[in-house]
N, C-alpha and C. Protein backbone atom coordinates (compact mmCIF):
# COMPACT_ATOMS: atom_id res chain seq x y z
N UNK A 1 54.83 35.59 21.18
CA UNK A 1 56.17 35.80 21.87
C UNK A 1 55.82 34.62 23.26
N UNK A 2 54.53 34.80 23.82
CA UNK A 2 54.34 34.28 25.07
C UNK A 2 53.85 32.91 24.72
N UNK A 3 53.21 32.49 23.63
CA UNK A 3 52.78 30.95 23.29
C UNK A 3 54.31 30.34 22.95
N UNK A 4 55.10 30.78 22.45
CA UNK A 4 56.47 30.71 21.77
C UNK A 4 57.34 30.10 23.13
N UNK A 5 57.38 31.12 24.28
CA UNK A 5 57.84 30.89 25.43
C UNK A 5 57.55 29.66 26.06
N UNK A 6 55.91 29.60 26.22
CA UNK A 6 55.32 28.48 26.90
C UNK A 6 55.87 27.22 26.36
N UNK A 7 55.53 27.14 24.73
CA UNK A 7 56.07 25.62 24.00
C UNK A 7 57.51 25.57 24.37
N UNK A 8 58.33 26.46 24.40
CA UNK A 8 59.57 26.23 24.92
C UNK A 8 59.91 25.69 25.74
N UNK A 9 59.40 26.11 26.82
CA UNK A 9 59.38 25.51 28.24
C UNK A 9 59.02 24.34 28.54
N UNK A 10 57.69 23.84 27.92
CA UNK A 10 57.44 22.79 27.80
C UNK A 10 58.22 21.65 27.09
N UNK A 11 58.88 22.08 26.04
CA UNK A 11 59.95 21.19 25.12
C UNK A 11 61.09 21.09 26.32
N UNK A 12 61.62 21.98 26.64
CA UNK A 12 62.86 21.90 27.68
C UNK A 12 62.41 21.10 28.70
N UNK A 13 61.39 21.21 29.39
CA UNK A 13 60.96 20.22 30.42
C UNK A 13 60.64 18.66 30.03
N UNK A 14 60.26 18.82 29.03
CA UNK A 14 60.17 17.32 28.38
C UNK A 14 61.51 16.52 28.03
N UNK A 15 62.45 17.47 27.52
CA UNK A 15 63.65 16.72 27.09
C UNK A 15 64.35 16.81 28.79
N UNK A 16 64.48 17.45 29.73
CA UNK A 16 64.82 17.41 30.71
C UNK A 16 64.49 16.05 31.75
N UNK A 17 63.39 15.70 31.46
CA UNK A 17 62.43 14.67 32.00
C UNK A 17 62.52 13.20 31.28
N UNK A 18 63.63 13.39 30.20
CA UNK A 18 63.96 12.27 29.67
C UNK A 18 62.59 11.94 28.49
N UNK A 19 61.70 12.70 28.36
CA UNK A 19 60.70 12.71 27.51
C UNK A 19 59.61 12.45 27.89
N UNK A 20 59.47 12.26 29.40
CA UNK A 20 58.25 11.83 29.82
C UNK A 20 57.68 12.96 30.60
N UNK A 21 56.82 13.68 30.15
CA UNK A 21 56.01 14.75 31.03
C UNK A 21 54.84 14.58 32.12
N UNK A 22 55.19 14.72 33.02
CA UNK A 22 54.21 14.37 34.38
C UNK A 22 52.99 15.06 34.17
N UNK A 23 51.89 14.29 33.61
CA UNK A 23 50.64 15.15 33.22
C UNK A 23 49.67 14.30 33.40
N UNK A 24 48.49 14.87 34.14
CA UNK A 24 47.11 14.00 34.25
C UNK A 24 46.40 14.35 33.23
N UNK A 25 45.86 13.42 32.55
CA UNK A 25 45.31 13.39 31.30
C UNK A 25 43.82 13.71 31.84
N UNK A 26 42.93 14.05 31.01
CA UNK A 26 41.50 14.31 31.51
C UNK A 26 40.59 12.76 32.19
N UNK A 27 40.84 11.56 31.12
CA UNK A 27 40.23 10.59 31.52
C UNK A 27 40.94 10.16 32.79
N UNK A 28 42.41 10.34 33.18
CA UNK A 28 42.57 10.11 34.42
C UNK A 28 41.97 10.67 35.63
N UNK A 29 42.02 11.93 35.44
CA UNK A 29 41.26 12.90 36.15
C UNK A 29 40.11 12.36 36.65
N UNK A 30 39.14 12.07 35.45
CA UNK A 30 37.55 11.67 35.71
C UNK A 30 37.69 10.19 36.59
N UNK A 31 38.54 9.35 36.45
CA UNK A 31 38.73 7.93 36.92
C UNK A 31 39.11 8.30 38.40
N UNK A 32 40.16 9.38 38.45
CA UNK A 32 40.40 9.59 40.07
C UNK A 32 39.03 9.79 40.80
N UNK A 33 38.26 10.83 40.19
CA UNK A 33 37.39 11.41 40.85
C UNK A 33 36.11 10.46 41.05
N UNK A 34 36.00 9.47 40.00
CA UNK A 34 34.99 8.20 40.24
C UNK A 34 35.47 7.65 41.40
N UNK A 35 36.97 7.35 41.39
CA UNK A 35 37.00 6.24 42.40
C UNK A 35 37.09 6.83 43.81
N UNK A 36 37.32 8.26 43.76
CA UNK A 36 37.26 8.76 45.11
C UNK A 36 35.51 8.62 45.67
N UNK A 37 34.57 9.26 44.84
CA UNK A 37 33.66 9.21 45.26
C UNK A 37 32.98 7.97 45.60
N UNK A 38 33.42 6.37 44.68
CA UNK A 38 32.99 5.41 45.01
C UNK A 38 33.40 4.73 46.15
N UNK A 39 34.26 5.61 46.99
CA UNK A 39 35.05 4.98 48.26
C UNK A 39 34.67 6.03 49.32
N UNK A 40 33.64 6.82 49.19
CA UNK A 40 33.18 7.32 50.44
C UNK A 40 31.90 7.15 50.51
N UNK A 41 31.39 7.12 51.98
CA UNK A 41 29.90 7.10 52.38
C UNK A 41 29.29 8.03 52.11
N UNK A 42 29.89 9.34 52.05
CA UNK A 42 29.27 10.90 51.91
C UNK A 42 28.67 10.86 50.45
N UNK A 43 27.90 12.15 50.66
CA UNK A 43 27.40 12.56 49.01
C UNK A 43 28.33 13.95 49.00
N UNK A 44 29.61 13.93 48.61
CA UNK A 44 30.16 15.01 48.79
C UNK A 44 29.89 16.20 47.57
N UNK A 45 30.28 17.52 48.04
CA UNK A 45 30.03 18.41 46.94
C UNK A 45 31.43 18.65 46.13
N UNK A 46 31.33 19.44 45.16
CA UNK A 46 32.46 19.88 44.27
C UNK A 46 33.80 20.14 44.93
N UNK A 47 33.39 21.09 45.96
CA UNK A 47 34.56 21.62 46.77
C UNK A 47 35.34 20.51 47.45
N UNK A 48 34.28 19.65 47.95
CA UNK A 48 34.97 18.55 48.82
C UNK A 48 36.21 17.48 47.93
N UNK A 49 35.48 17.53 46.49
CA UNK A 49 36.12 16.81 46.02
C UNK A 49 37.64 17.45 45.55
N UNK A 50 37.28 18.85 45.39
CA UNK A 50 38.46 19.59 45.03
C UNK A 50 39.22 19.49 45.71
N UNK A 51 38.96 19.41 47.21
CA UNK A 51 40.10 19.88 48.23
C UNK A 51 40.86 18.16 48.45
N UNK A 52 39.98 16.87 48.21
CA UNK A 52 40.93 15.82 48.07
C UNK A 52 41.79 15.60 47.00
N UNK A 53 41.50 16.22 45.91
CA UNK A 53 42.33 16.01 44.62
C UNK A 53 43.63 16.74 44.81
N UNK A 54 43.33 17.87 45.48
CA UNK A 54 44.53 18.90 45.57
C UNK A 54 45.60 18.72 46.41
N UNK A 55 45.33 17.48 47.40
CA UNK A 55 46.10 16.73 47.66
C UNK A 55 47.30 16.00 47.23
N UNK A 56 46.94 15.35 46.01
CA UNK A 56 47.62 14.68 44.96
C UNK A 56 47.97 15.81 43.78
N UNK A 57 46.91 16.47 43.20
CA UNK A 57 47.41 17.59 42.08
C UNK A 57 46.92 18.78 42.82
N UNK A 58 48.11 19.64 43.18
CA UNK A 58 47.70 21.02 43.70
C UNK A 58 47.28 21.88 42.99
N UNK A 59 47.52 21.64 41.29
CA UNK A 59 47.20 22.80 40.35
C UNK A 59 45.74 22.25 39.93
N UNK A 60 45.13 21.47 40.29
CA UNK A 60 44.05 21.30 39.78
C UNK A 60 42.75 22.55 39.99
N UNK A 61 42.45 22.97 39.06
CA UNK A 61 41.09 24.20 39.37
C UNK A 61 39.75 23.41 39.51
N UNK A 62 39.02 24.14 40.28
CA UNK A 62 37.68 24.05 40.84
C UNK A 62 36.78 23.69 39.54
N UNK A 63 36.83 24.49 38.46
CA UNK A 63 36.25 24.60 37.25
C UNK A 63 36.40 23.31 36.55
N UNK A 64 37.41 22.84 36.55
CA UNK A 64 38.13 21.41 35.97
C UNK A 64 37.16 20.08 36.94
N UNK A 65 37.31 20.34 37.99
CA UNK A 65 36.54 19.17 38.86
C UNK A 65 35.17 19.49 38.44
N UNK A 66 34.56 20.74 38.46
CA UNK A 66 32.90 20.84 38.11
C UNK A 66 32.75 20.06 36.79
N UNK A 67 33.63 20.49 35.55
CA UNK A 67 33.22 20.13 34.23
C UNK A 67 33.42 18.36 34.56
N UNK A 68 34.39 17.79 35.02
CA UNK A 68 34.63 16.26 35.06
C UNK A 68 33.22 15.84 35.75
N UNK A 69 32.96 16.35 36.78
CA UNK A 69 31.97 15.70 37.72
C UNK A 69 30.67 15.90 36.61
N UNK A 70 30.47 16.69 36.12
CA UNK A 70 29.38 16.83 35.15
C UNK A 70 29.26 16.00 33.86
N UNK A 71 30.58 15.67 33.39
CA UNK A 71 30.62 14.53 32.34
C UNK A 71 30.67 13.29 33.00
N UNK A 72 30.89 12.82 34.41
CA UNK A 72 30.54 11.67 34.70
C UNK A 72 29.02 11.48 35.09
N UNK A 73 28.52 12.54 35.22
CA UNK A 73 26.99 12.29 35.50
C UNK A 73 26.42 12.52 34.14
N UNK A 74 26.55 12.71 33.12
CA UNK A 74 26.14 12.63 31.81
C UNK A 74 26.26 11.56 31.50
N UNK A 75 27.36 10.59 31.73
CA UNK A 75 27.78 9.25 31.41
C UNK A 75 26.96 8.58 32.10
N UNK A 76 25.98 8.76 33.18
CA UNK A 76 25.58 8.10 33.96
C UNK A 76 26.39 7.04 35.18
N UNK A 77 27.47 7.71 35.09
CA UNK A 77 28.42 6.92 36.27
C UNK A 77 28.14 7.96 37.80
N UNK A 78 27.54 8.86 37.81
CA UNK A 78 27.50 9.63 39.13
C UNK A 78 25.76 10.10 38.79
N UNK A 79 25.37 10.54 40.31
CA UNK A 79 24.10 11.32 40.15
C UNK A 79 24.37 12.74 40.75
N UNK A 80 23.70 13.53 40.24
CA UNK A 80 23.80 14.92 40.94
C UNK A 80 22.48 15.10 41.57
N UNK A 81 22.76 15.28 43.12
CA UNK A 81 21.47 15.50 43.92
C UNK A 81 21.49 16.73 44.69
N UNK A 82 20.53 17.17 44.95
CA UNK A 82 20.46 18.60 45.70
C UNK A 82 19.48 18.31 47.11
N UNK A 83 19.94 18.78 47.93
CA UNK A 83 19.00 18.57 49.53
C UNK A 83 18.66 19.82 49.98
N UNK A 84 18.39 19.96 50.98
CA UNK A 84 17.79 21.27 51.40
C UNK A 84 18.95 22.74 51.44
N UNK A 85 20.47 22.20 51.17
CA UNK A 85 21.32 23.05 51.18
C UNK A 85 21.36 23.90 50.03
N UNK A 86 20.62 23.38 48.87
CA UNK A 86 20.73 23.69 47.48
C UNK A 86 22.20 23.83 46.77
N UNK A 87 22.87 22.94 47.29
CA UNK A 87 24.05 22.76 46.84
C UNK A 87 24.34 21.36 46.13
N UNK A 88 24.92 21.33 44.90
CA UNK A 88 25.18 20.06 44.23
C UNK A 88 26.09 19.00 45.00
N UNK A 89 25.25 17.72 45.01
CA UNK A 89 26.06 16.80 45.99
C UNK A 89 26.25 15.53 44.80
N UNK A 90 26.76 14.95 44.84
CA UNK A 90 27.27 13.79 44.12
C UNK A 90 27.22 12.55 44.89
N UNK A 91 26.78 11.49 44.04
CA UNK A 91 26.65 10.12 44.57
C UNK A 91 26.91 9.23 43.50
N UNK A 92 27.81 8.32 43.95
CA UNK A 92 28.26 7.21 43.34
C UNK A 92 27.18 6.04 42.89
N UNK A 93 26.50 6.26 44.03
CA UNK A 93 25.33 4.79 43.87
C UNK A 93 24.21 5.57 42.76
N UNK A 94 24.30 4.97 41.51
CA UNK A 94 23.17 5.54 40.68
C UNK A 94 21.79 4.69 40.52
N UNK A 95 22.09 3.48 41.76
CA UNK A 95 20.79 2.99 41.51
C UNK A 95 19.65 3.75 42.35
N UNK A 96 18.47 3.36 42.08
CA UNK A 96 17.12 4.07 42.68
C UNK A 96 17.33 3.78 44.28
N UNK A 97 17.27 4.72 45.18
CA UNK A 97 17.49 4.37 46.42
C UNK A 97 17.03 5.70 47.30
N UNK A 98 17.03 5.64 48.58
CA UNK A 98 16.51 6.75 49.57
C UNK A 98 17.49 7.15 50.22
N UNK A 99 17.23 8.33 51.05
CA UNK A 99 18.28 8.65 51.95
C UNK A 99 17.84 9.52 52.95
N UNK A 100 18.81 9.38 54.12
CA UNK A 100 18.64 9.92 55.48
C UNK A 100 19.57 11.17 55.39
N UNK A 101 19.01 12.25 56.05
CA UNK A 101 19.89 13.52 55.92
C UNK A 101 19.53 13.72 57.48
N UNK A 102 21.00 13.90 58.26
CA UNK A 102 20.77 14.34 59.65
C UNK A 102 20.87 15.73 59.83
N UNK A 103 19.78 16.34 60.52
CA UNK A 103 19.33 17.21 60.81
C UNK A 103 20.35 18.14 61.56
N UNK A 104 21.04 17.45 62.63
CA UNK A 104 21.94 17.97 63.30
C UNK A 104 23.37 18.21 62.46
N UNK A 105 24.09 17.40 61.93
CA UNK A 105 25.25 17.51 61.24
C UNK A 105 25.26 17.25 59.74
N UNK A 106 24.38 17.18 59.26
CA UNK A 106 24.19 17.45 57.99
C UNK A 106 24.56 16.21 56.96
N UNK A 107 25.01 15.15 57.74
CA UNK A 107 25.32 13.74 56.68
C UNK A 107 24.18 13.38 56.12
N UNK A 108 24.47 12.87 54.91
CA UNK A 108 23.83 12.28 53.83
C UNK A 108 24.25 10.87 53.87
N UNK A 109 22.93 9.98 54.12
CA UNK A 109 23.43 8.67 54.33
C UNK A 109 22.48 7.85 52.80
N UNK A 110 22.89 7.05 52.50
CA UNK A 110 22.07 6.18 51.36
C UNK A 110 21.51 4.94 52.56
N UNK A 111 20.18 4.96 52.13
CA UNK A 111 19.22 3.84 52.75
C UNK A 111 19.40 2.62 52.25
N UNK A 112 19.36 1.46 53.07
CA UNK A 112 19.78 0.13 52.46
C UNK A 112 18.24 -0.34 52.60
N UNK A 113 17.02 0.10 51.98
CA UNK A 113 15.71 -0.28 52.11
C UNK A 113 14.97 -0.23 50.63
N UNK A 114 14.28 -1.33 50.76
CA UNK A 114 14.13 -1.60 48.87
C UNK A 114 13.09 0.07 48.33
N UNK A 115 13.35 0.30 46.98
CA UNK A 115 12.83 1.49 46.26
C UNK A 115 11.34 1.04 46.02
N UNK A 116 10.37 1.61 46.43
CA UNK A 116 9.20 1.19 46.08
C UNK A 116 8.26 1.85 44.80
N UNK A 117 8.64 1.06 43.94
CA UNK A 117 8.16 1.54 42.54
C UNK A 117 6.40 1.60 42.40
N UNK A 118 6.01 1.18 43.44
CA UNK A 118 4.37 1.01 43.43
C UNK A 118 3.96 2.47 43.85
N UNK A 119 4.79 3.39 44.27
CA UNK A 119 4.18 4.52 44.79
C UNK A 119 4.07 5.49 43.41
N UNK A 120 4.87 5.14 42.51
CA UNK A 120 4.74 5.69 41.09
C UNK A 120 3.39 5.49 40.39
N UNK A 121 3.04 4.37 40.31
CA UNK A 121 1.91 3.69 39.85
C UNK A 121 0.78 4.28 40.76
N UNK A 122 0.77 4.55 41.81
CA UNK A 122 -0.39 4.89 42.71
C UNK A 122 -0.74 6.24 42.50
N UNK A 123 0.83 6.90 42.57
CA UNK A 123 0.27 8.72 42.24
C UNK A 123 -0.19 8.71 41.04
N UNK A 124 0.24 7.92 39.67
CA UNK A 124 -0.02 7.99 38.41
C UNK A 124 -1.76 7.66 38.40
N UNK A 125 -2.28 6.54 39.03
CA UNK A 125 -3.60 6.43 38.82
C UNK A 125 -4.12 7.14 39.57
N UNK A 126 -4.10 7.68 40.87
CA UNK A 126 -4.99 8.50 41.19
C UNK A 126 -4.99 10.33 40.76
N UNK A 127 -3.61 10.25 40.15
CA UNK A 127 -3.90 11.77 39.59
C UNK A 127 -3.83 11.88 38.23
N UNK A 128 -3.51 10.70 37.26
CA UNK A 128 -3.66 11.04 35.69
C UNK A 128 -2.53 11.32 35.40
N UNK A 129 -1.34 11.78 36.36
CA UNK A 129 -0.04 12.11 35.81
C UNK A 129 0.68 11.17 35.29
N UNK A 130 1.59 11.47 34.45
CA UNK A 130 2.94 10.70 34.20
C UNK A 130 3.79 10.59 35.07
N UNK A 131 4.16 9.92 35.79
CA UNK A 131 5.13 9.72 36.85
C UNK A 131 6.40 9.11 36.32
N UNK A 132 7.60 9.59 36.34
CA UNK A 132 8.90 9.15 35.67
C UNK A 132 9.47 8.72 36.64
N UNK A 133 9.42 8.96 37.88
CA UNK A 133 10.45 9.00 38.99
C UNK A 133 9.83 9.44 40.43
N UNK A 134 10.49 9.13 41.34
CA UNK A 134 10.42 9.69 42.68
C UNK A 134 11.43 9.62 43.59
N UNK A 135 11.22 10.54 44.73
CA UNK A 135 12.55 10.79 45.34
C UNK A 135 11.85 10.86 46.91
N UNK A 136 12.53 10.39 47.67
CA UNK A 136 11.80 10.36 49.26
C UNK A 136 13.09 10.45 49.99
N UNK A 137 13.23 11.44 50.76
CA UNK A 137 14.13 11.71 51.86
C UNK A 137 13.72 11.53 53.10
N UNK A 138 14.45 10.99 54.22
CA UNK A 138 14.17 10.88 55.71
C UNK A 138 15.05 11.89 56.56
N UNK A 139 14.66 12.54 57.50
CA UNK A 139 15.29 13.63 58.15
C UNK A 139 14.99 12.96 59.77
N UNK A 140 16.26 13.40 60.47
CA UNK A 140 16.04 13.08 61.63
C UNK A 140 17.52 13.19 62.19
N UNK A 141 18.24 12.39 63.26
CA UNK A 141 19.30 12.41 64.00
C UNK A 141 20.04 11.07 63.35
N UNK A 142 21.11 11.01 63.03
CA UNK A 142 22.02 10.14 62.84
C UNK A 142 22.02 9.37 64.06
N UNK A 143 22.98 8.23 63.89
CA UNK A 143 23.29 7.40 65.23
C UNK A 143 24.32 8.28 66.08
N UNK A 144 25.08 8.76 65.21
CA UNK A 144 26.14 9.76 66.06
C UNK A 144 25.63 10.86 67.06
N UNK A 145 24.88 11.47 66.19
CA UNK A 145 24.25 12.71 66.93
C UNK A 145 23.04 12.40 67.84
N UNK A 146 22.57 11.28 67.47
CA UNK A 146 21.60 10.92 68.63
C UNK A 146 22.55 10.35 69.91
N UNK A 147 23.48 9.67 69.73
CA UNK A 147 24.46 9.35 71.08
C UNK A 147 24.86 10.72 71.64
N UNK A 148 25.35 11.61 70.93
CA UNK A 148 25.85 12.93 71.52
C UNK A 148 24.62 13.41 72.11
N UNK A 149 23.48 13.64 71.69
CA UNK A 149 22.27 14.26 72.16
C UNK A 149 21.98 13.43 73.58
N UNK A 150 22.13 11.88 73.52
CA UNK A 150 21.86 11.36 74.73
C UNK A 150 22.70 11.37 75.72
N UNK A 151 24.08 11.70 75.41
CA UNK A 151 25.23 12.11 76.31
C UNK A 151 24.88 13.43 76.94
N UNK A 152 24.45 14.22 76.03
CA UNK A 152 24.60 15.53 76.74
C UNK A 152 23.26 15.59 77.58
N UNK A 153 22.11 14.88 77.22
CA UNK A 153 21.05 14.65 78.36
C UNK A 153 21.46 14.38 79.39
N UNK A 154 22.28 13.34 79.43
CA UNK A 154 22.79 12.61 80.56
C UNK A 154 23.66 13.46 81.63
N UNK A 155 24.29 14.27 80.95
CA UNK A 155 25.22 15.12 81.65
C UNK A 155 24.64 16.20 82.21
N UNK A 156 23.52 16.68 81.44
CA UNK A 156 22.72 18.03 82.07
C UNK A 156 21.86 17.18 83.40
N UNK A 157 21.18 15.93 82.91
CA UNK A 157 20.85 15.61 84.23
C UNK A 157 21.44 15.40 85.41
N UNK A 158 22.82 14.86 85.20
CA UNK A 158 23.95 14.71 86.40
C UNK A 158 23.90 16.11 86.79
N UNK A 159 24.39 17.12 86.15
CA UNK A 159 24.60 18.39 86.54
C UNK A 159 23.53 19.09 87.59
N UNK A 160 22.27 18.70 86.86
CA UNK A 160 20.80 18.94 87.76
C UNK A 160 21.06 18.14 89.30
N UNK A 161 21.03 16.97 88.97
CA UNK A 161 20.97 16.11 90.34
C UNK A 161 22.06 16.74 91.49
N UNK A 162 23.15 16.93 90.83
CA UNK A 162 24.43 17.42 91.73
C UNK A 162 24.22 18.72 91.98
N UNK A 163 23.48 19.66 91.59
CA UNK A 163 22.86 20.97 91.83
C UNK A 163 21.92 20.72 93.05
N UNK A 164 20.94 19.88 92.93
CA UNK A 164 19.94 19.80 93.70
C UNK A 164 20.42 18.97 95.01
N UNK A 165 21.20 18.25 94.86
CA UNK A 165 21.88 17.60 96.27
C UNK A 165 22.59 18.32 96.67
N UNK A 166 23.32 19.16 96.17
CA UNK A 166 24.06 20.19 96.93
C UNK A 166 23.59 21.05 97.65
N UNK A 167 22.07 21.73 97.14
CA UNK A 167 20.97 22.40 97.84
C UNK A 167 20.63 21.79 98.90
N UNK A 168 20.27 20.59 98.68
CA UNK A 168 19.69 19.71 100.00
C UNK A 168 20.44 19.41 100.74
N UNK A 169 21.78 19.35 100.76
CA UNK A 169 22.81 19.33 101.48
C UNK A 169 23.00 20.63 102.37
N UNK A 170 23.01 21.52 101.70
CA UNK A 170 23.27 23.08 102.10
C UNK A 170 22.03 23.11 102.99
N UNK A 171 20.87 22.90 102.76
CA UNK A 171 19.61 23.24 103.30
C UNK A 171 19.80 22.24 105.05
N UNK A 172 20.03 21.16 104.43
CA UNK A 172 20.07 19.99 105.80
C UNK A 172 21.45 20.43 106.85
N UNK A 173 22.32 21.01 106.24
CA UNK A 173 23.44 21.66 107.29
C UNK A 173 22.77 22.89 108.01
N UNK A 174 21.96 23.74 107.62
CA UNK A 174 21.29 24.95 108.12
C UNK A 174 20.46 24.53 109.15
N UNK A 175 19.96 23.59 108.89
CA UNK A 175 18.90 22.93 109.85
C UNK A 175 19.29 22.20 111.33
N UNK A 176 20.74 21.98 111.05
CA UNK A 176 21.45 21.55 112.31
C UNK A 176 21.94 22.41 112.89
């Protein structure tokens, strides 16, 4: 009975729309996800992708997003990378490259420095291991956070100097 009602509702909707059912098929959704990741400088999580997709497709489920992200990974169109937060992040840059992770804001950035394949050969020759790949991540403060830190230090310095200056004036006025 329920299945019959669902089919009937779909058919009625189809007739009312002149035969055009506005529906996003799986390959369209995958293309949308891939486009979204190719046009972001970050390494988003599935939740981030889901939030962005829901703006256009409010009924898309998080499970559907995960499945499509994993299909794109298996097709080699995306990379699944994990960092210290143990969360899956997705990267549209599938070439071998290094990352910089900001210790303050958590930004994950691709570094435009050559991938050093000689490291794999060095480790292999020194250990006898069969090395297939390596990953090297750099940690520190991104430019934005570094500038925020410098601005905060400058503000703290100015406050300290104003405080010292005020105490100096107070002591000078007591002496006169």
